[in-house]
């Protein structure tokens, strides 16, 4: 049985609320956290090879949960962002490779509005996500060209259509882990 904990601090080193979640899975890991304008807290992570995301209220009481499973062991979420919708990014297996994955959920996790897969090379992973004030979605991670990992950034609209992309390839391995 696995578990992870989420803590809320009011001042440096003064914990005021702790929420611990234990599921039937052997491997639970919180990977990313963000908040919305109503002070709700959103956590995404891994639960037994599935994307698992939780929405808490400001007192860390679980309000909604959702999960995603591609059907193949190896789903791995890395980032979450919130505006009018919830965006979760990571990677999913694709045969011997892995692809970058992005999902757009309703604000209450009751529906997946859309998802997109990016396959730019052998191994691709989305590690971080943010949403600007125009509701453009920026995702950073990496794509592998068969020789090295390359720093990769994509800009999506809210329909998850790619608007722009940028790659950094110095000939060495580069991976974007934050945005």
Foldseek 3Di string as FASTA:
>chain_A
DDKDKDFDAPDVPHTDAIDMDDDPAPDWDWAEWDAEPQQWIKTWWDGNQKIKIFIAHNRRDTDAIDIGHPPDRDWTWAEWEDDQWIKTWWWDDDVQAIWIKIWTAGPRNPDTPDMDTDAPDRYWIWHYWYADPVRKIKTWWWHDHPQETWTKIFIAHPNRDTDDMDIGCPPYHDTDNYD
